[in-house]
C-alpha atoms as a PDB file:
ATOM      1  CA  MET A   1       0.188   0.055  -0.409  1.00  0.00           C
ATOM      2  CA  ILE A   2       1.393   3.285  -0.735  1.00  0.00           C
ATOM      3  CA  GLU A   3       1.269   6.472   1.691  1.00  0.00           C
ATOM      4  CA  GLN A   4      -0.186   9.201   0.393  1.00  0.00           C
ATOM      5  CA  LYS A   5       1.467  12.751   1.948  1.00  0.00           C
ATOM      6  CA  LYS A   6      -0.260  15.034   3.390  1.00  0.00           C
ATOM      7  CA  LYS A   7      -0.127  18.458   2.252  1.00  0.00           C
ATOM      8  CA  ILE A   8       0.575  20.560   4.852  1.00  0.00           C
ATOM      9  CA  LYS A   9      -1.617  23.686   5.312  1.00  0.00           C
ATOM     10  CA  VAL A  10      -1.079  27.821   5.799  1.00  0.00           C
ATOM     11  CA  LEU A  11      -3.357  29.193   7.707  1.00  0.00           C
ATOM     12  CA  LYS A  12      -2.965  33.141   6.791  1.00  0.00           C
ATOM     13  CA  LYS A  13      -4.217  35.949   8.290  1.00  0.00           C
ATOM     14  CA  ASP A  14      -7.352  36.250   6.782  1.00  0.00           C
ATOM     15  CA  GLY A  15      -8.413  32.703   8.429  1.00  0.00           C
ATOM     16  CA  SER A  16      -8.021  31.333   4.924  1.00  0.00           C
ATOM     17  CA  LEU A  17      -5.763  27.927   4.251  1.00  0.00           C
ATOM     18  CA  GLU A  18      -3.570  27.056   1.600  1.00  0.00           C
ATOM     19  CA  ASP A  19      -1.104  24.154   0.801  1.00  0.00           C
ATOM     20  CA  PHE A  20       2.672  24.948   1.997  1.00  0.00           C
ATOM     21  CA  ASP A  21       4.643  26.053  -0.796  1.00  0.00           C
ATOM     22  CA  PRO A  22       8.046  26.119  -0.425  1.00  0.00           C
ATOM     23  CA  GLY A  23       8.308  27.709  -3.764  1.00  0.00           C
ATOM     24  CA  LYS A  24       6.489  31.017  -2.448  1.00  0.00           C
ATOM     25  CA  ILE A  25       9.438  31.364   0.344  1.00  0.00           C
ATOM     26  CA  ALA A  26      12.106  30.942  -1.727  1.00  0.00           C
ATOM     27  CA  ARG A  27      11.248  33.944  -3.780  1.00  0.00           C
ATOM     28  CA  VAL A  28      10.441  35.819  -0.486  1.00  0.00           C
ATOM     29  CA  ILE A  29      14.197  35.196   0.867  1.00  0.00           C
ATOM     30  CA  LYS A  30      15.405  36.369  -2.196  1.00  0.00           C
ATOM     31  CA  THR A  31      13.103  39.320  -2.713  1.00  0.00           C
ATOM     32  CA  ALA A  32      14.389  40.248   0.621  1.00  0.00           C
ATOM     33  CA  GLY A  33      18.376  40.713  -1.240  1.00  0.00           C
ATOM     34  CA  LEU A  34      19.759  37.115  -0.916  1.00  0.00           C
ATOM     35  CA  GLU A  35      20.856  35.453  -4.252  1.00  0.00           C
ATOM     36  CA  THR A  36      19.345  32.642  -5.983  1.00  0.00           C
ATOM     37  CA  ASP A  37      21.298  30.149  -4.503  1.00  0.00           C
ATOM     38  CA  GLN A  38      21.484  31.346  -0.757  1.00  0.00           C
ATOM     39  CA  ALA A  39      17.611  31.881  -1.007  1.00  0.00           C
ATOM     40  CA  ALA A  40      17.100  27.859  -2.286  1.00  0.00           C
ATOM     41  CA  ILE A  41      19.164  27.143   0.914  1.00  0.00           C
ATOM     42  CA  SER A  42      17.155  29.106   3.347  1.00  0.00           C
ATOM     43  CA  ALA A  43      13.855  28.438   2.075  1.00  0.00           C
ATOM     44  CA  ALA A  44      14.686  24.602   1.791  1.00  0.00           C
ATOM     45  CA  LYS A  45      16.060  25.250   5.635  1.00  0.00           C
ATOM     46  CA  VAL A  46      12.555  26.524   6.208  1.00  0.00           C
ATOM     47  CA  ALA A  47      10.946  24.156   4.330  1.00  0.00           C
ATOM     48  CA  GLN A  48      12.373  21.350   6.605  1.00  0.00           C
ATOM     49  CA  TRP A  49      11.556  23.289   9.899  1.00  0.00           C
ATOM     50  CA  VAL A  50       7.803  23.062   8.926  1.00  0.00           C
ATOM     51  CA  LYS A  51       7.714  19.558   7.990  1.00  0.00           C
ATOM     52  CA  ASP A  52       9.943  18.785  11.268  1.00  0.00           C
ATOM     53  CA  GLN A  53       6.753  20.610  13.233  1.00  0.00           C
ATOM     54  CA  ASN A  54       5.283  17.395  12.399  1.00  0.00           C
ATOM     55  CA  GLN A  55       1.484  19.310  12.216  1.00  0.00           C
ATOM     56  CA  PRO A  56      -0.828  19.085   9.561  1.00  0.00           C
ATOM     57  CA  GLN A  57      -1.485  23.193   9.675  1.00  0.00           C
ATOM     58  CA  ILE A  58       0.946  25.874  10.638  1.00  0.00           C
ATOM     59  CA  THR A  59       0.282  29.395  10.535  1.00  0.00           C
ATOM     60  CA  SER A  60       1.720  32.244   8.010  1.00  0.00           C
ATOM     61  CA  LEU A  61       2.785  33.865  11.498  1.00  0.00           C
ATOM     62  CA  GLU A  62       5.150  31.432  12.104  1.00  0.00           C
ATOM     63  CA  ILE A  63       6.254  30.690   9.489  1.00  0.00           C
ATOM     64  CA  ARG A  64       7.027  34.484   8.990  1.00  0.00           C
ATOM     65  CA  GLY A  65       9.022  34.294  12.231  1.00  0.00           C
ATOM     66  CA  ARG A  66      10.994  30.770  10.907  1.00  0.00           C
ATOM     67  CA  VAL A  67      12.071  33.541   7.480  1.00  0.00           C
ATOM     68  CA  ILE A  68      13.641  36.125   9.645  1.00  0.00           C
ATOM     69  CA  LYS A  69      15.485  33.719  11.784  1.00  0.00           C
ATOM     70  CA  GLU A  70      17.196  32.595   8.378  1.00  0.00           C
ATOM     71  CA  LEU A  71      17.981  36.066   6.904  1.00  0.00           C
ATOM     72  CA  GLN A  72      19.350  37.327  10.257  1.00  0.00           C
ATOM     73  CA  LYS A  73      21.361  34.195   9.984  1.00  0.00           C
ATOM     74  CA  VAL A  74      22.592  35.086   6.506  1.00  0.00           C
ATOM     75  CA  ASN A  75      22.622  39.269   6.913  1.00  0.00           C
ATOM     76  CA  GLN A  76      22.174  40.829  10.823  1.00  0.00           C
ATOM     77  CA  HIS A  77      21.167  43.978   8.734  1.00  0.00           C
ATOM     78  CA  THR A  78      17.575  42.465   7.344  1.00  0.00           C
ATOM     79  CA  PRO A  79      15.878  45.542   6.745  1.00  0.00           C
ATOM     80  CA  PRO A  80      12.619  45.688   8.472  1.00  0.00           C
ATOM     81  CA  LYS A  81       9.809  45.992   5.575  1.00  0.00           C
ATOM     82  CA  HIS A  82      10.760  41.725   5.481  1.00  0.00           C
ATOM     83  CA  THR A  83      10.253  41.560   8.960  1.00  0.00           C
ATOM     84  CA  GLN A  84       7.153  43.541   9.525  1.00  0.00           C
ATOM     85  CA  HIS A  85       3.977  42.422   8.093  1.00  0.00           C
END
């Protein structure tokens, strides 16, 4: 029997749910000023963290907090526009 992977859902501020998309994380991180390779590495770390939570649902606020931590690891001077949404 093949086990189906359940998609992790993201609970957004407006109450809606969407599938977790690691590609979206990479785009946000790249927009913050990281090079494509570094953005991909940081996004992979965030995606792994989300999976490690072992929950069917996570909030966008939790993901945002983790993205900020990853950005700060790479750049201690993360612009405020990417840390406050």
